[in-house]
């Protein structure tokens, strides 16, 4: 958790600057793509250095998501709706965070031979 948090702090600052230069949507697409690639590579990280690399990449990308999303929302829908739009997006992701592990665990239990 420490490496993820440290990388997240760096990602928030660095990717915010990148978003200023290449556009917030482009930077957010890079963040989401990087986090997705890290998640796909996670099962391959079987050594301590590989797990540390995963934590750094994933944390960095998630930090960018945290800093870029409110700015992107305000640029798309204006500053008056940032709080409600951001809250709605976080609520929608919380549903996936709540149900995703349960569904995946059930699928894994059903499809994995004992």
PDB file of N, CA and C in Angstrom:
ATOM      1  N   UNK A   1       0.816  -1.197   0.000  1.00  0.00           N
ATOM      2  CA  UNK A   1       0.000   0.000   0.000  1.00  0.00           C
ATOM      3  C   UNK A   1       0.856   1.255   0.000  1.00  0.00           C
ATOM      4  N   UNK A   2       2.046   1.165   0.596  1.00  0.00           N
ATOM      5  CA  UNK A   2       2.927   2.325   0.652  1.00  0.00           C
ATOM      6  C   UNK A   2       3.439   2.735  -0.723  1.00  0.00           C
ATOM      7  N   UNK A   3       3.811   1.742  -1.549  1.00  0.00           N
ATOM      8  CA  UNK A   3       4.297   2.069  -2.891  1.00  0.00           C
ATOM      9  C   UNK A   3       3.180   2.624  -3.766  1.00  0.00           C
ATOM     10  N   UNK A   4       1.994   2.066  -3.638  1.00  0.00           N
ATOM     11  CA  UNK A   4       0.854   2.563  -4.411  1.00  0.00           C
ATOM     12  C   UNK A   4       0.553   4.010  -4.030  1.00  0.00           C
ATOM     13  N   UNK A   5       0.552   4.303  -2.752  1.00  0.00           N
ATOM     14  CA  UNK A   5       0.254   5.664  -2.288  1.00  0.00           C
ATOM     15  C   UNK A   5       1.323   6.661  -2.718  1.00  0.00           C
ATOM     16  N   UNK A   6       2.581   6.270  -2.606  1.00  0.00           N
ATOM     17  CA  UNK A   6       3.661   7.168  -3.016  1.00  0.00           C
ATOM     18  C   UNK A   6       3.611   7.437  -4.519  1.00  0.00           C
ATOM     19  N   UNK A   7       3.400   6.389  -5.300  1.00  0.00           N
ATOM     20  CA  UNK A   7       3.305   6.564  -6.746  1.00  0.00           C
ATOM     21  C   UNK A   7       2.063   7.369  -7.117  1.00  0.00           C
ATOM     22  N   UNK A   8       0.988   7.204  -6.365  1.00  0.00           N
ATOM     23  CA  UNK A   8      -0.233   7.966  -6.612  1.00  0.00           C
ATOM     24  C   UNK A   8       0.009   9.460  -6.412  1.00  0.00           C
ATOM     25  N   UNK A   9       0.748   9.812  -5.367  1.00  0.00           N
ATOM     26  CA  UNK A   9       1.051  11.231  -5.126  1.00  0.00           C
ATOM     27  C   UNK A   9       1.850  11.824  -6.273  1.00  0.00           C
ATOM     28  N   UNK A  10       2.817  11.074  -6.756  1.00  0.00           N
ATOM     29  CA  UNK A  10       3.622  11.553  -7.892  1.00  0.00           C
ATOM     30  C   UNK A  10       2.761  11.626  -9.150  1.00  0.00           C
ATOM     31  N   UNK A  11       1.922  10.614  -9.363  1.00  0.00           N
ATOM     32  CA  UNK A  11       1.052  10.592 -10.536  1.00  0.00           C
ATOM     33  C   UNK A  11       0.070  11.744 -10.560  1.00  0.00           C
ATOM     34  N   UNK A  12      -0.444  12.125  -9.409  1.00  0.00           N
ATOM     35  CA  UNK A  12      -1.391  13.246  -9.347  1.00  0.00           C
ATOM     36  C   UNK A  12      -0.748  14.530  -9.852  1.00  0.00           C
ATOM     37  N   UNK A  13       0.469  14.766  -9.444  1.00  0.00           N
ATOM     38  CA  UNK A  13       1.158  15.995  -9.848  1.00  0.00           C
ATOM     39  C   UNK A  13       1.628  15.896 -11.296  1.00  0.00           C
ATOM     40  N   UNK A  14       2.366  14.838 -11.614  1.00  0.00           N
ATOM     41  CA  UNK A  14       2.970  14.715 -12.935  1.00  0.00           C
ATOM     42  C   UNK A  14       1.917  14.626 -14.038  1.00  0.00           C
ATOM     43  N   UNK A  15       0.905  13.796 -13.840  1.00  0.00           N
ATOM     44  CA  UNK A  15      -0.106  13.626 -14.889  1.00  0.00           C
ATOM     45  C   UNK A  15      -1.036  14.829 -14.987  1.00  0.00           C
ATOM     46  N   UNK A  16      -1.161  15.605 -13.926  1.00  0.00           N
ATOM     47  CA  UNK A  16      -1.871  16.874 -14.023  1.00  0.00           C
ATOM     48  C   UNK A  16      -1.138  17.830 -14.958  1.00  0.00           C
ATOM     49  N   UNK A  17       0.181  17.858 -14.848  1.00  0.00           N
ATOM     50  CA  UNK A  17       0.999  18.691 -15.741  1.00  0.00           C
ATOM     51  C   UNK A  17       0.918  18.173 -17.165  1.00  0.00           C
ATOM     52  N   UNK A  18       0.958  16.858 -17.327  1.00  0.00           N
ATOM     53  CA  UNK A  18       0.827  16.266 -18.664  1.00  0.00           C
ATOM     54  C   UNK A  18      -0.530  16.632 -19.255  1.00  0.00           C
ATOM     55  N   UNK A  19      -1.578  16.589 -18.439  1.00  0.00           N
ATOM     56  CA  UNK A  19      -2.916  16.955 -18.916  1.00  0.00           C
ATOM     57  C   UNK A  19      -2.989  18.395 -19.395  1.00  0.00           C
ATOM     58  N   UNK A  20      -2.255  19.282 -18.731  1.00  0.00           N
ATOM     59  CA  UNK A  20      -2.213  20.672 -19.186  1.00  0.00           C
ATOM     60  C   UNK A  20      -1.602  20.793 -20.575  1.00  0.00           C
ATOM     61  N   UNK A  21      -0.693  19.905 -20.895  1.00  0.00           N
ATOM     62  CA  UNK A  21       0.031  19.993 -22.167  1.00  0.00           C
ATOM     63  C   UNK A  21      -0.633  19.223 -23.315  1.00  0.00           C
ATOM     64  N   UNK A  22      -1.138  18.013 -23.034  1.00  0.00           N
ATOM     65  CA  UNK A  22      -1.678  17.179 -24.119  1.00  0.00           C
ATOM     66  C   UNK A  22      -3.199  17.105 -24.107  1.00  0.00           C
ATOM     67  N   UNK A  23      -3.827  17.694 -23.119  1.00  0.00           N
ATOM     68  CA  UNK A  23      -5.278  17.628 -22.998  1.00  0.00           C
ATOM     69  C   UNK A  23      -5.670  16.657 -21.903  1.00  0.00           C
ATOM     70  N   UNK A  24      -6.703  17.022 -21.175  1.00  0.00           N
ATOM     71  CA  UNK A  24      -7.115  16.217 -20.025  1.00  0.00           C
ATOM     72  C   UNK A  24      -7.690  14.873 -20.432  1.00  0.00           C
ATOM     73  N   UNK A  25      -8.437  14.863 -21.515  1.00  0.00           N
ATOM     74  CA  UNK A  25      -9.006  13.597 -21.977  1.00  0.00           C
ATOM     75  C   UNK A  25      -7.901  12.645 -22.430  1.00  0.00           C
ATOM     76  N   UNK A  26      -6.929  13.155 -23.170  1.00  0.00           N
ATOM     77  CA  UNK A  26      -5.822  12.308 -23.629  1.00  0.00           C
ATOM     78  C   UNK A  26      -5.024  11.762 -22.452  1.00  0.00           C
ATOM     79  N   UNK A  27      -4.761  12.606 -21.472  1.00  0.00           N
ATOM     80  CA  UNK A  27      -4.015  12.165 -20.295  1.00  0.00           C
ATOM     81  C   UNK A  27      -4.823  11.136 -19.502  1.00  0.00           C
ATOM     82  N   UNK A  28      -6.131  11.330 -19.405  1.00  0.00           N
ATOM     83  CA  UNK A  28      -6.969  10.372 -18.686  1.00  0.00           C
ATOM     84  C   UNK A  28      -7.009   9.028 -19.412  1.00  0.00           C
ATOM     85  N   UNK A  29      -7.055   9.056 -20.728  1.00  0.00           N
ATOM     86  CA  UNK A  29      -7.011   7.815 -21.501  1.00  0.00           C
ATOM     87  C   UNK A  29      -5.697   7.089 -21.242  1.00  0.00           C
ATOM     88  N   UNK A  30      -4.587   7.823 -21.172  1.00  0.00           N
ATOM     89  CA  UNK A  30      -3.294   7.208 -20.846  1.00  0.00           C
ATOM     90  C   UNK A  30      -3.318   6.580 -19.453  1.00  0.00           C
ATOM     91  N   UNK A  31      -3.918   7.284 -18.490  1.00  0.00           N
ATOM     92  CA  UNK A  31      -4.001   6.768 -17.116  1.00  0.00           C
ATOM     93  C   UNK A  31      -4.804   5.481 -17.057  1.00  0.00           C
ATOM     94  N   UNK A  32      -5.963   5.485 -17.666  1.00  0.00           N
ATOM     95  CA  UNK A  32      -6.832   4.309 -17.625  1.00  0.00           C
ATOM     96  C   UNK A  32      -6.180   3.145 -18.369  1.00  0.00           C
ATOM     97  N   UNK A  33      -5.545   3.438 -19.508  1.00  0.00           N
ATOM     98  CA  UNK A  33      -4.859   2.386 -20.259  1.00  0.00           C
ATOM     99  C   UNK A  33      -3.701   1.803 -19.456  1.00  0.00           C
ATOM    100  N   UNK A  34      -2.935   2.662 -18.814  1.00  0.00           N
ATOM    101  CA  UNK A  34      -1.812   2.192 -18.001  1.00  0.00           C
ATOM    102  C   UNK A  34      -2.271   1.345 -16.830  1.00  0.00           C
ATOM    103  N   UNK A  35      -3.341   1.774 -16.168  1.00  0.00           N
ATOM    104  CA  UNK A  35      -3.872   0.993 -15.041  1.00  0.00           C
ATOM    105  C   UNK A  35      -4.419  -0.350 -15.526  1.00  0.00           C
ATOM    106  N   UNK A  36      -5.080  -0.352 -16.674  1.00  0.00           N
ATOM    107  CA  UNK A  36      -5.613  -1.603 -17.223  1.00  0.00           C
ATOM    108  C   UNK A  36      -4.479  -2.561 -17.586  1.00  0.00           C
ATOM    109  N   UNK A  37      -3.444  -2.049 -18.213  1.00  0.00           N
ATOM    110  CA  UNK A  37      -2.297  -2.899 -18.551  1.00  0.00           C
ATOM    111  C   UNK A  37      -1.628  -3.451 -17.299  1.00  0.00           C
ATOM    112  N   UNK A  38      -1.525  -2.620 -16.282  1.00  0.00           N
ATOM    113  CA  UNK A  38      -0.936  -3.083 -15.016  1.00  0.00           C
ATOM    114  C   UNK A  38      -1.786  -4.199 -14.410  1.00  0.00           C
ATOM    115  N   UNK A  39      -3.104  -4.052 -14.465  1.00  0.00           N
ATOM    116  CA  UNK A  39      -3.970  -5.087 -13.903  1.00  0.00           C
ATOM    117  C   UNK A  39      -3.844  -6.402 -14.668  1.00  0.00           C
ATOM    118  N   UNK A  40      -3.707  -6.315 -16.003  1.00  0.00           N
ATOM    119  CA  UNK A  40      -3.522  -7.532 -16.790  1.00  0.00           C
ATOM    120  C   UNK A  40      -2.174  -8.185 -16.504  1.00  0.00           C
ATOM    121  N   UNK A  41      -1.174  -7.384 -16.208  1.00  0.00           N
ATOM    122  CA  UNK A  41       0.162  -7.911 -15.937  1.00  0.00           C
ATOM    123  C   UNK A  41       0.326  -8.390 -14.498  1.00  0.00           C
ATOM    124  N   UNK A  42      -0.581  -8.013 -13.623  1.00  0.00           N
ATOM    125  CA  UNK A  42      -0.473  -8.355 -12.208  1.00  0.00           C
ATOM    126  C   UNK A  42      -0.253  -9.848 -11.947  1.00  0.00           C
ATOM    127  N   UNK A  43      -1.005 -10.742 -12.604  1.00  0.00           N
ATOM    128  CA  UNK A  43      -0.779 -12.173 -12.338  1.00  0.00           C
ATOM    129  C   UNK A  43       0.628 -12.645 -12.720  1.00  0.00           C
ATOM    130  N   UNK A  44       1.294 -11.919 -13.580  1.00  0.00           N
ATOM    131  CA  UNK A  44       2.652 -12.292 -13.980  1.00  0.00           C
ATOM    132  C   UNK A  44       3.698 -11.825 -12.974  1.00  0.00           C
ATOM    133  N   UNK A  45       3.307 -10.959 -12.072  1.00  0.00           N
ATOM    134  CA  UNK A  45       4.239 -10.400 -11.083  1.00  0.00           C
ATOM    135  C   UNK A  45       4.367 -11.374  -9.915  1.00  0.00           C
ATOM    136  N   UNK A  46       5.276 -12.318 -10.043  1.00  0.00           N
ATOM    137  CA  UNK A  46       5.414 -13.352  -9.021  1.00  0.00           C
ATOM    138  C   UNK A  46       6.627 -13.129  -8.114  1.00  0.00           C
ATOM    139  N   UNK A  47       7.449 -12.150  -8.424  1.00  0.00           N
ATOM    140  CA  UNK A  47       8.596 -11.845  -7.577  1.00  0.00           C
ATOM    141  C   UNK A  47       8.351 -10.512  -6.870  1.00  0.00           C
ATOM    142  N   UNK A  48       9.124 -10.266  -5.827  1.00  0.00           N
ATOM    143  CA  UNK A  48       8.959  -9.020  -5.084  1.00  0.00           C
ATOM    144  C   UNK A  48       9.238  -7.787  -5.944  1.00  0.00           C
ATOM    145  N   UNK A  49      10.316  -7.761  -6.751  1.00  0.00           N
ATOM    146  CA  UNK A  49      10.525  -6.584  -7.612  1.00  0.00           C
ATOM    147  C   UNK A  49       9.408  -6.387  -8.639  1.00  0.00           C
ATOM    148  N   UNK A  50       8.870  -7.477  -9.153  1.00  0.00           N
ATOM    149  CA  UNK A  50       7.777  -7.362 -10.124  1.00  0.00           C
ATOM    150  C   UNK A  50       6.518  -6.818  -9.452  1.00  0.00           C
ATOM    151  N   UNK A  51       6.242  -7.262  -8.241  1.00  0.00           N
ATOM    152  CA  UNK A  51       5.087  -6.725  -7.512  1.00  0.00           C
ATOM    153  C   UNK A  51       5.291  -5.250  -7.186  1.00  0.00           C
ATOM    154  N   UNK A  52       6.518  -4.867  -6.857  1.00  0.00           N
ATOM    155  CA  UNK A  52       6.808  -3.460  -6.589  1.00  0.00           C
ATOM    156  C   UNK A  52       6.597  -2.622  -7.847  1.00  0.00           C
ATOM    157  N   UNK A  53       7.026  -3.136  -8.992  1.00  0.00           N
ATOM    158  CA  UNK A  53       6.820  -2.423 -10.258  1.00  0.00           C
ATOM    159  C   UNK A  53       5.333  -2.281 -10.556  1.00  0.00           C
ATOM    160  N   UNK A  54       4.584  -3.349 -10.338  1.00  0.00           N
ATOM    161  CA  UNK A  54       3.129  -3.273 -10.523  1.00  0.00           C
ATOM    162  C   UNK A  54       2.532  -2.182  -9.635  1.00  0.00           C
ATOM    163  N   UNK A  55       2.913  -2.166  -8.360  1.00  0.00           N
ATOM    164  CA  UNK A  55       2.370  -1.189  -7.415  1.00  0.00           C
ATOM    165  C   UNK A  55       2.704   0.234  -7.849  1.00  0.00           C
ATOM    166  N   UNK A  56       3.915   0.443  -8.344  1.00  0.00           N
ATOM    167  CA  UNK A  56       4.319   1.785  -8.777  1.00  0.00           C
ATOM    168  C   UNK A  56       3.542   2.238 -10.011  1.00  0.00           C
ATOM    169  N   UNK A  57       3.425   1.360 -10.995  1.00  0.00           N
ATOM    170  CA  UNK A  57       2.707   1.719 -12.232  1.00  0.00           C
ATOM    171  C   UNK A  57       1.224   1.935 -11.948  1.00  0.00           C
ATOM    172  N   UNK A  58       0.619   1.008 -11.205  1.00  0.00           N
ATOM    173  CA  UNK A  58      -0.806   1.124 -10.909  1.00  0.00           C
ATOM    174  C   UNK A  58      -1.092   2.366 -10.067  1.00  0.00           C
ATOM    175  N   UNK A  59      -0.298   2.612  -9.053  1.00  0.00           N
ATOM    176  CA  UNK A  59      -0.490   3.791  -8.209  1.00  0.00           C
ATOM    177  C   UNK A  59      -0.320   5.085  -8.983  1.00  0.00           C
ATOM    178  N   UNK A  60       0.695   5.135  -9.844  1.00  0.00           N
ATOM    179  CA  UNK A  60       0.945   6.317 -10.663  1.00  0.00           C
ATOM    180  C   UNK A  60      -0.264   6.621 -11.542  1.00  0.00           C
ATOM    181  N   UNK A  61      -0.782   5.598 -12.201  1.00  0.00           N
ATOM    182  CA  UNK A  61      -1.927   5.791 -13.096  1.00  0.00           C
ATOM    183  C   UNK A  61      -3.191   6.167 -12.332  1.00  0.00           C
ATOM    184  N   UNK A  62      -3.418   5.552 -11.184  1.00  0.00           N
ATOM    185  CA  UNK A  62      -4.599   5.891 -10.384  1.00  0.00           C
ATOM    186  C   UNK A  62      -4.515   7.309  -9.843  1.00  0.00           C
ATOM    187  N   UNK A  63      -3.318   7.761  -9.503  1.00  0.00           N
ATOM    188  CA  UNK A  63      -3.140   9.143  -9.061  1.00  0.00           C
ATOM    189  C   UNK A  63      -3.527  10.128 -10.144  1.00  0.00           C
ATOM    190  N   UNK A  64      -3.160   9.816 -11.379  1.00  0.00           N
ATOM    191  CA  UNK A  64      -3.555  10.670 -12.498  1.00  0.00           C
ATOM    192  C   UNK A  64      -5.062  10.716 -12.673  1.00  0.00           C
ATOM    193  N   UNK A  65      -5.705   9.579 -12.490  1.00  0.00           N
ATOM    194  CA  UNK A  65      -7.169   9.532 -12.589  1.00  0.00           C
ATOM    195  C   UNK A  65      -7.798  10.458 -11.559  1.00  0.00           C
ATOM    196  N   UNK A  66      -7.274  10.435 -10.349  1.00  0.00           N
ATOM    197  CA  UNK A  66      -7.822  11.259  -9.270  1.00  0.00           C
ATOM    198  C   UNK A  66      -7.671  12.747  -9.560  1.00  0.00           C
ATOM    199  N   UNK A  67      -6.538  13.137 -10.118  1.00  0.00           N
ATOM    200  CA  UNK A  67      -6.328  14.568 -10.358  1.00  0.00           C
ATOM    201  C   UNK A  67      -6.952  15.060 -11.660  1.00  0.00           C
ATOM    202  N   UNK A  68      -7.086  14.203 -12.645  1.00  0.00           N
ATOM    203  CA  UNK A  68      -7.578  14.647 -13.948  1.00  0.00           C
ATOM    204  C   UNK A  68      -9.099  14.654 -14.065  1.00  0.00           C
ATOM    205  N   UNK A  69      -9.761  13.753 -13.373  1.00  0.00           N
ATOM    206  CA  UNK A  69     -11.209  13.625 -13.551  1.00  0.00           C
ATOM    207  C   UNK A  69     -11.987  14.898 -13.201  1.00  0.00           C
ATOM    208  N   UNK A  70     -11.737  15.553 -12.067  1.00  0.00           N
ATOM    209  CA  UNK A  70     -12.503  16.780 -11.781  1.00  0.00           C
ATOM    210  C   UNK A  70     -12.253  17.895 -12.801  1.00  0.00           C
ATOM    211  N   UNK A  71     -11.024  17.999 -13.281  1.00  0.00           N
ATOM    212  CA  UNK A  71     -10.713  19.030 -14.276  1.00  0.00           C
ATOM    213  C   UNK A  71     -11.417  18.722 -15.595  1.00  0.00           C
ATOM    214  N   UNK A  72     -11.430  17.452 -15.965  1.00  0.00           N
ATOM    215  CA  UNK A  72     -12.117  17.051 -17.192  1.00  0.00           C
ATOM    216  C   UNK A  72     -13.619  17.292 -17.075  1.00  0.00           C
ATOM    217  N   UNK A  73     -14.187  16.973 -15.927  1.00  0.00           N
ATOM    218  CA  UNK A  73     -15.622  17.216 -15.711  1.00  0.00           C
ATOM    219  C   UNK A  73     -15.941  18.699 -15.860  1.00  0.00           C
ATOM    220  N   UNK A  74     -15.121  19.560 -15.259  1.00  0.00           N
ATOM    221  CA  UNK A  74     -15.401  20.998 -15.336  1.00  0.00           C
ATOM    222  C   UNK A  74     -15.229  21.522 -16.750  1.00  0.00           C
ATOM    223  N   UNK A  75     -14.304  20.953 -17.509  1.00  0.00           N
ATOM    224  CA  UNK A  75     -14.128  21.422 -18.885  1.00  0.00           C
ATOM    225  C   UNK A  75     -15.260  20.932 -19.793  1.00  0.00           C
ATOM    226  N   UNK A  76     -15.855  19.792 -19.463  1.00  0.00           N
ATOM    227  CA  UNK A  76     -16.941  19.265 -20.290  1.00  0.00           C
ATOM    228  C   UNK A  76     -18.304  19.850 -19.919  1.00  0.00           C
ATOM    229  N   UNK A  77     -18.585  19.971 -18.620  1.00  0.00           N
ATOM    230  CA  UNK A  77     -19.921  20.355 -18.188  1.00  0.00           C
ATOM    231  C   UNK A  77     -19.970  21.641 -17.365  1.00  0.00           C
ATOM    232  N   UNK A  78     -18.860  22.314 -17.193  1.00  0.00           N
ATOM    233  CA  UNK A  78     -18.847  23.564 -16.440  1.00  0.00           C
ATOM    234  C   UNK A  78     -18.580  23.340 -14.957  1.00  0.00           C
ATOM    235  N   UNK A  79     -18.226  24.417 -14.306  1.00  0.00           N
ATOM    236  CA  UNK A  79     -17.824  24.324 -12.905  1.00  0.00           C
ATOM    237  C   UNK A  79     -19.005  24.172 -11.942  1.00  0.00           C
ATOM    238  N   UNK A  80     -20.205  24.513 -12.368  1.00  0.00           N
ATOM    239  CA  UNK A  80     -21.353  24.424 -11.465  1.00  0.00           C
ATOM    240  C   UNK A  80     -21.759  22.983 -11.183  1.00  0.00           C
ATOM    241  N   UNK A  81     -21.386  22.062 -12.048  1.00  0.00           N
ATOM    242  CA  UNK A  81     -21.813  20.675 -11.881  1.00  0.00           C
ATOM    243  C   UNK A  81     -20.691  19.744 -11.436  1.00  0.00           C
ATOM    244  N   UNK A  82     -19.517  20.285 -11.108  1.00  0.00           N
ATOM    245  CA  UNK A  82     -18.374  19.419 -10.783  1.00  0.00           C
ATOM    246  C   UNK A  82     -18.685  18.511  -9.595  1.00  0.00           C
ATOM    247  N   UNK A  83     -19.195  19.054  -8.522  1.00  0.00           N
ATOM    248  CA  UNK A  83     -19.427  18.252  -7.315  1.00  0.00           C
ATOM    249  C   UNK A  83     -20.435  17.134  -7.561  1.00  0.00           C
ATOM    250  N   UNK A  84     -21.569  17.466  -8.166  1.00  0.00           N
ATOM    251  CA  UNK A  84     -22.583  16.433  -8.388  1.00  0.00           C
ATOM    252  C   UNK A  84     -22.136  15.425  -9.445  1.00  0.00           C
ATOM    253  N   UNK A  85     -21.464  15.883 -10.494  1.00  0.00           N
ATOM    254  CA  UNK A  85     -20.994  14.966 -11.536  1.00  0.00           C
ATOM    255  C   UNK A  85     -19.909  14.039 -10.998  1.00  0.00           C
ATOM    256  N   UNK A  86     -18.968  14.594 -10.249  1.00  0.00           N
ATOM    257  CA  UNK A  86     -17.886  13.795  -9.679  1.00  0.00           C
ATOM    258  C   UNK A  86     -18.450  12.786  -8.676  1.00  0.00           C
ATOM    259  N   UNK A  87     -19.389  13.217  -7.864  1.00  0.00           N
ATOM    260  CA  UNK A  87     -20.026  12.310  -6.915  1.00  0.00           C
ATOM    261  C   UNK A  87     -20.767  11.181  -7.612  1.00  0.00           C
ATOM    262  N   UNK A  88     -21.456  11.495  -8.698  1.00  0.00           N
ATOM    263  CA  UNK A  88     -22.180  10.470  -9.447  1.00  0.00           C
ATOM    264  C   UNK A  88     -21.214   9.467 -10.073  1.00  0.00           C
ATOM    265  N   UNK A  89     -20.108   9.956 -10.613  1.00  0.00           N
ATOM    266  CA  UNK A  89     -19.112   9.060 -11.202  1.00  0.00           C
ATOM    267  C   UNK A  89     -18.509   8.157 -10.135  1.00  0.00           C
ATOM    268  N   UNK A  90     -18.158   8.716  -8.985  1.00  0.00           N
ATOM    269  CA  UNK A  90     -17.596   7.903  -7.912  1.00  0.00           C
ATOM    270  C   UNK A  90     -18.613   6.898  -7.377  1.00  0.00           C
ATOM    271  N   UNK A  91     -19.875   7.293  -7.316  1.00  0.00           N
ATOM    272  CA  UNK A  91     -20.917   6.355  -6.889  1.00  0.00           C
ATOM    273  C   UNK A  91     -21.028   5.192  -7.875  1.00  0.00           C
ATOM    274  N   UNK A  92     -21.016   5.504  -9.176  1.00  0.00           N
ATOM    275  CA  UNK A  92     -21.116   4.450 -10.194  1.00  0.00           C
ATOM    276  C   UNK A  92     -19.927   3.498 -10.107  1.00  0.00           C
ATOM    277  N   UNK A  93     -18.734   4.030  -9.879  1.00  0.00           N
ATOM    278  CA  UNK A  93     -17.567   3.144  -9.772  1.00  0.00           C
ATOM    279  C   UNK A  93     -17.620   2.320  -8.490  1.00  0.00           C
ATOM    280  N   UNK A  94     -18.244   2.861  -7.446  1.00  0.00           N
ATOM    281  CA  UNK A  94     -18.333   2.094  -6.201  1.00  0.00           C
ATOM    282  C   UNK A  94     -19.203   0.852  -6.369  1.00  0.00           C
ATOM    283  N   UNK A  95     -20.184   0.923  -7.253  1.00  0.00           N
ATOM    284  CA  UNK A  95     -21.015  -0.260  -7.514  1.00  0.00           C
ATOM    285  C   UNK A  95     -20.155  -1.367  -8.121  1.00  0.00           C
ATOM    286  N   UNK A  96     -19.317  -0.999  -9.074  1.00  0.00           N
ATOM    287  CA  UNK A  96     -18.401  -1.978  -9.657  1.00  0.00           C
ATOM    288  C   UNK A  96     -17.387  -2.487  -8.650  1.00  0.00           C
ATOM    289  N   UNK A  97     -16.904  -1.587  -7.787  1.00  0.00           N
ATOM    290  CA  UNK A  97     -15.950  -2.002  -6.752  1.00  0.00           C
ATOM    291  C   UNK A  97     -16.588  -2.948  -5.743  1.00  0.00           C
ATOM    292  N   UNK A  98     -17.862  -2.789  -5.500  1.00  0.00           N
ATOM    293  CA  UNK A  98     -18.569  -3.643  -4.558  1.00  0.00           C
ATOM    294  C   UNK A  98     -18.914  -4.997  -5.177  1.00  0.00           C
ATOM    295  N   UNK A  99     -19.435  -4.985  -6.386  1.00  0.00           N
ATOM    296  CA  UNK A  99     -19.928  -6.214  -6.993  1.00  0.00           C
ATOM    297  C   UNK A  99     -18.861  -6.983  -7.774  1.00  0.00           C
ATOM    298  N   UNK A 100     -17.866  -6.278  -8.316  1.00  0.00           N
ATOM    299  CA  UNK A 100     -16.856  -6.928  -9.145  1.00  0.00           C
ATOM    300  C   UNK A 100     -16.138  -8.085  -8.468  1.00  0.00           C
ATOM    301  N   UNK A 101     -15.581  -7.899  -7.273  1.00  0.00           N
ATOM    302  CA  UNK A 101     -14.892  -9.013  -6.622  1.00  0.00           C
ATOM    303  C   UNK A 101     -15.810 -10.195  -6.299  1.00  0.00           C
ATOM    304  N   UNK A 102     -17.049  -9.912  -5.938  1.00  0.00           N
ATOM    305  CA  UNK A 102     -17.993 -10.989  -5.621  1.00  0.00           C
ATOM    306  C   UNK A 102     -18.299 -11.794  -6.881  1.00  0.00           C
ATOM    307  N   UNK A 103     -18.566 -11.095  -7.976  1.00  0.00           N
ATOM    308  CA  UNK A 103     -18.876 -11.779  -9.236  1.00  0.00           C
ATOM    309  C   UNK A 103     -17.666 -12.555  -9.724  1.00  0.00           C
ATOM    310  N   UNK A 104     -16.484 -11.929  -9.689  1.00  0.00           N
ATOM    311  CA  UNK A 104     -15.279 -12.619 -10.148  1.00  0.00           C
ATOM    312  C   UNK A 104     -14.974 -13.833  -9.281  1.00  0.00           C
ATOM    313  N   UNK A 105     -15.139 -13.716  -7.968  1.00  0.00           N
ATOM    314  CA  UNK A 105     -14.905 -14.847  -7.081  1.00  0.00           C
ATOM    315  C   UNK A 105     -15.850 -15.994  -7.363  1.00  0.00           C
ATOM    316  N   UNK A 106     -17.109 -15.676  -7.645  1.00  0.00           N
ATOM    317  CA  UNK A 106     -18.090 -16.703  -7.977  1.00  0.00           C
ATOM    318  C   UNK A 106     -17.731 -17.393  -9.277  1.00  0.00           C
ATOM    319  N   UNK A 107     -17.363 -16.612 -10.286  1.00  0.00           N
ATOM    320  CA  UNK A 107     -16.957 -17.190 -11.573  1.00  0.00           C
ATOM    321  C   UNK A 107     -15.730 -18.070 -11.380  1.00  0.00           C
ATOM    322  N   UNK A 108     -14.781 -17.614 -10.604  1.00  0.00           N
ATOM    323  CA  UNK A 108     -13.565 -18.384 -10.357  1.00  0.00           C
ATOM    324  C   UNK A 108     -13.886 -19.683  -9.628  1.00  0.00           C
ATOM    325  N   UNK A 109     -14.769 -19.635  -8.647  1.00  0.00           N
ATOM    326  CA  UNK A 109     -15.164 -20.847  -7.917  1.00  0.00           C
ATOM    327  C   UNK A 109     -15.865 -21.848  -8.823  1.00  0.00           C
ATOM    328  N   UNK A 110     -16.699 -21.355  -9.723  1.00  0.00           N
ATOM    329  CA  UNK A 110     -17.457 -22.225 -10.593  1.00  0.00           C
ATOM    330  C   UNK A 110     -16.582 -22.840 -11.679  1.00  0.00           C
ATOM    331  N   UNK A 111     -15.611 -22.080 -12.186  1.00  0.00           N
ATOM    332  CA  UNK A 111     -14.833 -22.554 -13.346  1.00  0.00           C
ATOM    333  C   UNK A 111     -13.515 -23.219 -12.977  1.00  0.00           C
ATOM    334  N   UNK A 112     -13.074 -23.116 -11.744  1.00  0.00           N
ATOM    335  CA  UNK A 112     -11.797 -23.707 -11.361  1.00  0.00           C
ATOM    336  C   UNK A 112     -12.021 -25.103 -10.807  1.00  0.00           C
ATOM    337  N   UNK A 113     -11.366 -26.094 -11.431  1.00  0.00           N
ATOM    338  CA  UNK A 113     -11.532 -27.472 -10.894  1.00  0.00           C
ATOM    339  C   UNK A 113     -10.836 -27.602  -9.540  1.00  0.00           C
ATOM    340  N   UNK A 114     -11.408 -28.409  -8.703  1.00  0.00           N
ATOM    341  CA  UNK A 114     -10.836 -28.612  -7.363  1.00  0.00           C
ATOM    342  C   UNK A 114     -10.007 -29.843  -7.306  1.00  0.00           C
TER     343      UNK A 114
END
